[in-house]
N, C-alpha and C. Protein backbone atom coordinates (compact mmCIF):
# COMPACT_ATOMS: atom_id res chain seq x y z
N MET A 1 -16.71 2.41 -21.98
CA MET A 1 -15.35 3.30 -22.87
C MET A 1 -13.94 3.19 -22.08
N ALA A 2 -13.04 3.39 -22.59
CA ALA A 2 -11.52 3.54 -22.11
C ALA A 2 -11.97 4.95 -21.56
N ASN A 3 -10.67 4.58 -20.31
CA ASN A 3 -10.55 5.87 -19.47
C ASN A 3 -9.12 6.60 -20.02
N TRP A 4 -9.05 6.99 -20.99
CA TRP A 4 -7.73 7.67 -21.77
C TRP A 4 -8.43 9.06 -21.53
N GLN A 5 -6.79 9.74 -21.32
CA GLN A 5 -7.10 11.59 -21.13
C GLN A 5 -5.95 11.91 -21.98
N VAL A 6 -6.44 13.07 -22.70
CA VAL A 6 -5.58 14.21 -23.12
C VAL A 6 -4.29 13.78 -22.32
N GLY A 7 -3.22 14.19 -22.57
CA GLY A 7 -2.10 14.09 -21.89
C GLY A 7 -1.07 12.84 -21.34
N ASP A 8 -2.19 11.34 -21.56
CA ASP A 8 -1.40 10.43 -21.16
C ASP A 8 -0.66 9.83 -22.09
N SER A 9 0.56 9.01 -22.08
CA SER A 9 1.73 8.97 -22.97
C SER A 9 1.91 7.37 -22.96
N ALA A 10 2.66 6.85 -23.39
CA ALA A 10 3.23 5.22 -23.21
C ALA A 10 4.49 5.17 -24.33
N GLU A 11 5.30 4.34 -23.95
CA GLU A 11 6.57 4.31 -25.12
C GLU A 11 6.95 3.12 -24.94
N PHE A 12 7.85 2.83 -26.19
CA PHE A 12 8.32 1.45 -26.44
C PHE A 12 9.72 1.60 -27.02
N THR A 13 10.99 0.71 -26.10
CA THR A 13 12.52 1.14 -26.74
C THR A 13 12.68 -0.02 -26.93
N LYS A 14 13.38 -0.11 -27.86
CA LYS A 14 14.62 -1.12 -28.78
C LYS A 14 15.84 -0.58 -29.29
N THR A 15 16.91 -1.73 -29.01
CA THR A 15 18.29 -1.35 -29.90
C THR A 15 18.04 -1.91 -31.37
N ILE A 16 18.03 -1.33 -32.25
CA ILE A 16 18.58 -2.03 -33.72
C ILE A 16 19.73 -2.15 -33.78
N GLY A 17 19.64 -3.71 -34.35
CA GLY A 17 21.02 -4.21 -34.62
C GLY A 17 20.88 -4.61 -36.05
N ASP A 18 21.66 -5.38 -36.33
CA ASP A 18 22.43 -5.66 -37.98
C ASP A 18 20.78 -6.44 -38.58
N GLU A 19 20.81 -7.69 -37.62
CA GLU A 19 19.58 -8.63 -38.30
C GLU A 19 18.42 -7.77 -38.34
N ASP A 20 17.82 -6.73 -37.75
CA ASP A 20 16.96 -6.21 -37.76
C ASP A 20 16.55 -5.07 -39.39
N ILE A 21 17.39 -5.00 -39.36
CA ILE A 21 17.91 -3.91 -40.62
C ILE A 21 18.02 -5.05 -42.28
N GLN A 22 18.56 -6.23 -41.92
CA GLN A 22 18.48 -7.44 -42.71
C GLN A 22 17.20 -7.89 -42.98
N ARG A 23 16.67 -8.08 -41.95
CA ARG A 23 15.06 -8.81 -42.28
C ARG A 23 14.30 -7.55 -42.78
N TYR A 24 14.38 -6.30 -42.17
CA TYR A 24 13.61 -5.36 -42.76
C TYR A 24 13.82 -5.10 -44.26
N ALA A 25 14.49 -5.58 -44.92
CA ALA A 25 15.03 -5.38 -45.73
C ALA A 25 14.02 -6.47 -46.86
N GLU A 26 14.65 -8.05 -46.16
CA GLU A 26 14.23 -8.65 -46.70
C GLU A 26 12.65 -8.82 -47.12
N ILE A 27 11.88 -8.40 -45.97
CA ILE A 27 10.01 -8.11 -45.99
C ILE A 27 10.01 -7.14 -46.47
N THR A 28 10.45 -6.17 -47.00
CA THR A 28 10.10 -4.79 -47.65
C THR A 28 10.80 -4.86 -48.98
N GLY A 29 11.76 -5.34 -49.70
CA GLY A 29 12.15 -5.66 -50.57
C GLY A 29 13.49 -4.19 -50.56
N ASP A 30 13.15 -3.29 -49.61
CA ASP A 30 14.48 -1.69 -50.02
C ASP A 30 15.65 -2.35 -49.48
N THR A 31 15.82 -2.90 -50.54
CA THR A 31 17.77 -3.16 -50.60
C THR A 31 18.65 -1.89 -50.90
N ASN A 32 18.30 -0.85 -51.01
CA ASN A 32 18.99 0.33 -51.07
C ASN A 32 20.57 0.55 -50.14
N PRO A 33 21.51 0.09 -50.65
CA PRO A 33 22.90 -0.24 -49.94
C PRO A 33 22.82 0.72 -49.07
N VAL A 34 22.28 1.76 -48.46
CA VAL A 34 23.02 2.91 -47.69
C VAL A 34 22.41 2.19 -46.23
N HIS A 35 21.71 1.32 -46.27
CA HIS A 35 21.48 0.42 -45.10
C HIS A 35 22.09 -1.08 -45.20
N LEU A 36 22.61 -1.10 -45.96
CA LEU A 36 23.27 -2.72 -46.30
C LEU A 36 24.63 -3.07 -46.50
N ASP A 37 24.98 -1.88 -47.32
CA ASP A 37 26.42 -2.25 -47.48
C ASP A 37 27.31 -0.83 -47.25
N GLU A 38 28.15 -1.14 -46.19
CA GLU A 38 28.87 -0.49 -45.18
C GLU A 38 29.63 0.28 -46.46
N GLU A 39 30.69 -0.53 -47.30
CA GLU A 39 31.35 0.62 -48.35
C GLU A 39 30.77 1.38 -48.92
N TYR A 40 29.72 0.87 -49.22
CA TYR A 40 29.00 2.33 -50.49
C TYR A 40 28.59 3.30 -49.03
N ALA A 41 27.99 2.63 -47.78
CA ALA A 41 27.31 3.69 -47.06
C ALA A 41 28.22 4.96 -46.81
N ARG A 42 29.97 4.46 -46.44
CA ARG A 42 30.31 5.56 -46.43
C ARG A 42 30.66 6.74 -47.30
N THR A 43 30.66 6.61 -48.37
CA THR A 43 30.42 7.83 -49.34
C THR A 43 29.54 8.44 -48.91
N THR A 44 28.28 8.15 -48.63
CA THR A 44 26.89 8.90 -48.15
C THR A 44 27.18 10.16 -47.34
N ARG A 45 26.10 11.01 -47.40
CA ARG A 45 26.30 11.80 -46.63
C ARG A 45 26.49 11.35 -44.71
N PHE A 46 25.65 10.00 -44.83
CA PHE A 46 26.08 9.46 -43.23
C PHE A 46 27.21 9.36 -42.90
N GLY A 47 28.05 8.55 -43.73
CA GLY A 47 29.15 8.62 -43.65
C GLY A 47 29.23 6.48 -43.02
N ARG A 48 28.36 6.11 -42.61
CA ARG A 48 28.19 4.88 -42.59
C ARG A 48 26.73 4.28 -42.62
N ARG A 49 26.19 3.11 -42.32
CA ARG A 49 25.25 2.52 -42.94
C ARG A 49 24.07 3.25 -41.94
N VAL A 50 23.13 2.84 -42.32
CA VAL A 50 21.49 3.65 -41.34
C VAL A 50 20.55 2.96 -41.82
N ALA A 51 19.52 2.93 -40.53
CA ALA A 51 18.52 1.88 -40.45
C ALA A 51 17.43 2.55 -41.54
N HIS A 52 16.74 1.64 -41.95
CA HIS A 52 15.35 2.40 -42.55
C HIS A 52 14.26 3.05 -41.57
N GLY A 53 14.07 4.52 -42.22
CA GLY A 53 13.62 5.10 -41.61
C GLY A 53 11.93 4.55 -41.20
N MET A 54 11.52 4.03 -42.16
CA MET A 54 10.54 3.34 -42.21
C MET A 54 9.79 1.99 -40.63
N LEU A 55 11.62 1.84 -40.36
CA LEU A 55 11.57 0.63 -39.36
C LEU A 55 11.37 1.10 -38.14
N THR A 56 12.21 2.40 -38.31
CA THR A 56 12.03 3.21 -36.53
C THR A 56 10.31 3.38 -36.88
N ALA A 57 10.10 3.80 -37.62
CA ALA A 57 8.66 4.53 -37.79
C ALA A 57 7.63 3.52 -37.05
N GLY A 58 7.97 1.73 -37.58
CA GLY A 58 6.91 0.92 -36.77
C GLY A 58 7.09 0.82 -35.39
N PHE A 59 7.79 1.70 -34.52
CA PHE A 59 7.80 1.29 -32.95
C PHE A 59 6.93 2.21 -32.95
N ILE A 60 6.59 3.31 -33.85
CA ILE A 60 5.07 3.97 -33.69
C ILE A 60 3.77 2.87 -33.38
N SER A 61 4.04 2.13 -33.91
CA SER A 61 2.69 1.15 -34.53
C SER A 61 2.46 0.26 -33.30
N THR A 62 3.93 -0.14 -32.97
CA THR A 62 4.02 -0.78 -31.51
C THR A 62 3.31 -0.18 -30.38
N VAL A 63 3.37 1.17 -30.30
CA VAL A 63 3.11 1.68 -28.58
C VAL A 63 1.35 1.84 -29.21
N LEU A 64 1.41 1.94 -30.18
CA LEU A 64 -0.35 2.12 -30.58
C LEU A 64 -1.64 1.00 -30.36
N GLY A 65 -0.12 -0.10 -31.05
CA GLY A 65 -1.48 -1.46 -30.91
C GLY A 65 -1.23 -1.85 -29.93
N THR A 66 -0.13 -1.71 -28.86
CA THR A 66 -0.20 -2.91 -27.50
C THR A 66 -0.10 -2.03 -26.42
N LYS A 67 -0.15 -0.84 -26.56
CA LYS A 67 0.12 -0.05 -24.86
C LYS A 67 -0.58 1.15 -25.06
N LEU A 68 -0.71 2.20 -25.96
CA LEU A 68 -1.87 3.38 -25.85
C LEU A 68 -2.40 3.43 -27.25
N PRO A 69 -3.48 3.52 -27.50
CA PRO A 69 -4.58 2.87 -26.68
C PRO A 69 -4.53 1.57 -26.56
N GLY A 70 -4.05 0.75 -27.46
CA GLY A 70 -3.44 -0.80 -26.92
C GLY A 70 -4.52 -1.60 -28.28
N PRO A 71 -4.70 -3.14 -28.39
CA PRO A 71 -5.02 -4.05 -28.86
C PRO A 71 -6.44 -3.49 -28.96
N GLY A 72 -7.40 -3.37 -30.44
CA GLY A 72 -8.35 -2.93 -31.22
C GLY A 72 -7.83 -1.70 -31.90
N THR A 73 -7.12 -1.04 -31.60
CA THR A 73 -6.90 0.02 -32.25
C THR A 73 -6.81 -0.13 -34.11
N ILE A 74 -7.55 0.93 -34.12
CA ILE A 74 -7.38 1.22 -36.10
C ILE A 74 -6.60 2.14 -36.36
N TYR A 75 -5.22 1.68 -37.34
CA TYR A 75 -4.63 3.39 -37.59
C TYR A 75 -5.00 3.85 -38.65
N LEU A 76 -5.45 5.36 -38.24
CA LEU A 76 -6.01 6.04 -39.80
C LEU A 76 -5.32 6.98 -40.53
N GLY A 77 -3.77 7.15 -39.83
CA GLY A 77 -3.33 7.67 -40.33
C GLY A 77 -1.85 8.55 -39.77
N GLN A 78 -0.78 8.81 -40.41
CA GLN A 78 0.50 9.28 -39.79
C GLN A 78 1.19 9.98 -40.62
N THR A 79 1.86 10.95 -39.78
CA THR A 79 2.33 12.31 -40.50
C THR A 79 4.09 12.10 -39.47
N LEU A 80 4.88 11.96 -40.64
CA LEU A 80 6.31 12.07 -40.27
C LEU A 80 7.42 12.53 -40.39
N ARG A 81 8.03 12.97 -39.80
CA ARG A 81 9.05 14.42 -40.20
C ARG A 81 10.57 13.57 -39.52
N PHE A 82 11.46 12.70 -40.73
CA PHE A 82 12.72 12.54 -39.98
C PHE A 82 13.89 13.40 -39.78
N LEU A 83 14.48 13.64 -38.56
CA LEU A 83 15.27 14.47 -38.16
C LEU A 83 16.51 14.23 -38.36
N ALA A 84 16.54 13.14 -37.59
CA ALA A 84 18.26 12.53 -37.96
C ALA A 84 18.14 11.03 -37.81
N PRO A 85 19.86 10.38 -38.64
CA PRO A 85 19.77 9.09 -38.61
C PRO A 85 19.69 8.41 -37.69
N VAL A 86 19.12 6.72 -38.04
CA VAL A 86 19.54 6.19 -37.21
C VAL A 86 20.36 4.84 -37.57
N TYR A 87 21.30 4.89 -36.55
CA TYR A 87 22.29 3.65 -36.95
C TYR A 87 22.31 2.46 -36.58
N PRO A 88 22.76 1.36 -37.33
CA PRO A 88 22.60 0.21 -36.45
C PRO A 88 23.51 0.24 -34.92
N GLY A 89 23.00 -0.35 -33.97
CA GLY A 89 23.16 -0.28 -32.38
C GLY A 89 22.52 1.12 -31.66
N ASP A 90 22.03 1.58 -32.45
CA ASP A 90 21.50 2.94 -31.80
C ASP A 90 19.99 1.98 -30.84
N THR A 91 19.53 2.52 -29.44
CA THR A 91 18.24 2.36 -29.15
C THR A 91 17.43 3.56 -29.29
N ILE A 92 16.83 3.32 -29.75
CA ILE A 92 15.00 4.30 -30.06
C ILE A 92 14.12 4.04 -29.22
N THR A 93 13.76 4.97 -28.16
CA THR A 93 12.50 5.03 -27.87
C THR A 93 11.02 6.02 -28.65
N ALA A 94 10.08 5.37 -28.86
CA ALA A 94 9.03 5.89 -29.58
C ALA A 94 8.24 6.21 -28.26
N THR A 95 7.53 7.53 -28.53
CA THR A 95 6.67 7.61 -27.58
C THR A 95 5.53 8.26 -28.06
N VAL A 96 4.23 7.77 -27.62
CA VAL A 96 3.10 8.47 -27.92
C VAL A 96 2.53 9.07 -27.11
N ARG A 97 1.74 10.63 -27.42
CA ARG A 97 1.13 11.38 -26.08
C ARG A 97 -0.16 11.79 -26.90
N ILE A 98 -1.54 11.31 -26.14
CA ILE A 98 -2.94 11.86 -27.18
C ILE A 98 -2.68 13.49 -26.34
N GLU A 99 -3.29 13.96 -27.87
CA GLU A 99 -3.68 15.21 -27.80
C GLU A 99 -4.96 15.67 -27.93
N ARG A 100 -5.55 14.66 -28.51
CA ARG A 100 -6.94 15.30 -28.49
C ARG A 100 -7.91 13.83 -28.63
N TYR A 101 -8.84 13.84 -28.10
CA TYR A 101 -9.43 12.26 -27.90
C TYR A 101 -11.22 12.53 -27.89
N ASP A 102 -11.42 12.06 -28.42
CA ASP A 102 -13.13 12.30 -28.82
C ASP A 102 -13.61 10.88 -28.50
N GLU A 103 -14.15 10.74 -27.03
CA GLU A 103 -14.70 9.26 -26.32
C GLU A 103 -15.57 9.07 -27.24
N ALA A 104 -16.94 9.81 -27.45
CA ALA A 104 -17.64 9.41 -28.03
C ALA A 104 -17.82 8.63 -29.40
N ARG A 105 -16.48 9.05 -30.29
CA ARG A 105 -16.82 8.74 -31.34
C ARG A 105 -15.58 7.79 -31.31
N GLY A 106 -14.76 7.63 -30.06
CA GLY A 106 -13.41 6.74 -30.05
C GLY A 106 -12.27 7.01 -30.98
N HIS A 107 -12.10 8.77 -31.24
CA HIS A 107 -10.59 9.06 -32.08
C HIS A 107 -9.84 9.63 -31.29
N MET A 108 -8.72 9.25 -31.58
CA MET A 108 -7.72 10.25 -30.91
C MET A 108 -6.48 10.67 -32.00
N THR A 109 -6.24 11.63 -31.09
CA THR A 109 -4.89 12.28 -32.29
C THR A 109 -3.79 12.43 -31.14
N LEU A 110 -2.75 11.94 -31.62
CA LEU A 110 -1.41 11.59 -30.61
C LEU A 110 -0.19 11.80 -31.55
N SER A 111 0.67 12.72 -30.76
CA SER A 111 1.96 13.05 -31.28
C SER A 111 2.60 11.89 -30.80
N THR A 112 3.44 11.97 -31.71
CA THR A 112 4.55 10.80 -32.23
C THR A 112 5.97 11.53 -32.08
N VAL A 113 6.82 10.39 -31.35
CA VAL A 113 8.45 10.98 -31.26
C VAL A 113 9.43 9.85 -31.49
N CYS A 114 9.99 9.31 -32.13
CA CYS A 114 11.20 8.37 -31.81
C CYS A 114 12.19 9.26 -31.71
N ALA A 115 12.84 8.84 -30.34
CA ALA A 115 14.18 9.50 -29.88
C ALA A 115 15.58 8.26 -29.53
N ASN A 116 16.54 8.92 -29.60
CA ASN A 116 18.06 7.88 -29.58
C ASN A 116 18.26 8.31 -27.69
N GLY A 117 19.30 7.48 -27.92
CA GLY A 117 19.60 6.93 -26.51
C GLY A 117 20.19 8.51 -25.85
N ALA A 118 20.17 9.21 -26.20
CA ALA A 118 20.89 10.66 -25.92
C ALA A 118 19.31 11.63 -25.73
N GLY A 119 18.40 10.94 -26.08
CA GLY A 119 16.81 11.54 -25.96
C GLY A 119 17.02 12.62 -27.00
N GLU A 120 17.75 12.52 -28.03
CA GLU A 120 18.09 13.66 -29.71
C GLU A 120 16.59 12.73 -30.20
N PRO A 121 15.29 13.63 -30.52
CA PRO A 121 14.41 13.21 -31.30
C PRO A 121 14.94 12.64 -32.76
N VAL A 122 14.72 11.61 -33.93
CA VAL A 122 15.26 11.27 -35.06
C VAL A 122 13.86 11.00 -35.44
N MET A 123 12.98 11.30 -35.11
CA MET A 123 11.84 11.40 -36.10
C MET A 123 10.75 12.06 -34.97
N THR A 124 9.65 12.64 -35.79
CA THR A 124 8.48 13.20 -34.72
C THR A 124 7.14 13.15 -36.03
N GLY A 125 6.05 13.36 -35.22
CA GLY A 125 4.95 13.03 -36.07
C GLY A 125 3.51 13.14 -35.45
N GLU A 126 2.45 12.85 -36.12
CA GLU A 126 0.78 12.83 -35.68
C GLU A 126 0.57 11.48 -36.55
N ALA A 127 -0.22 10.42 -35.21
CA ALA A 127 -0.88 9.86 -35.42
C ALA A 127 -2.45 9.89 -35.12
N GLU A 128 -3.52 9.20 -35.83
CA GLU A 128 -4.71 9.29 -35.90
C GLU A 128 -5.36 7.85 -35.77
N VAL A 129 -6.14 7.72 -35.14
CA VAL A 129 -6.58 6.45 -34.97
C VAL A 129 -7.74 6.32 -34.17
N LEU A 130 -8.77 5.20 -34.66
CA LEU A 130 -9.96 4.83 -33.99
C LEU A 130 -9.59 3.64 -32.65
N TYR A 131 -10.27 3.85 -31.89
CA TYR A 131 -9.77 3.16 -30.60
C TYR A 131 -11.37 2.92 -29.71
N ARG A 132 -12.00 1.61 -29.72
CA ARG A 132 -13.42 1.09 -28.98
C ARG A 132 -13.09 -0.16 -28.48
N PRO A 133 -12.74 -0.23 -27.12
CA PRO A 133 -12.54 -1.51 -26.52
C PRO A 133 -14.04 -2.00 -26.56
């Protein structure tokens, strides 16, 4: 079995560009104008375009599938709480931390946080995964 311990963590950082938002909208069909139309977005509570929340949440999956616990991870569930908007050009760091680990069953519960470049959380949650190397 892997040598993971409660408290271990890993992260992934990416700057969200206009092309990322456009491609996410094309792939998912989520063409809400708050993401794509600057003129419309100026009339919203955000005052400008925002990235899709689930685009940002996808960075958590990146950490789980590539770093902690890594390849072979099976995602069982995820809770999310959106705390602040993410704007085009924001650099987001997704961090996961092992909170509980049952090595015999291969079950992990991990805290998940996405933070902007200022270190302010924009999303928090908890992931449940199975991992058997």
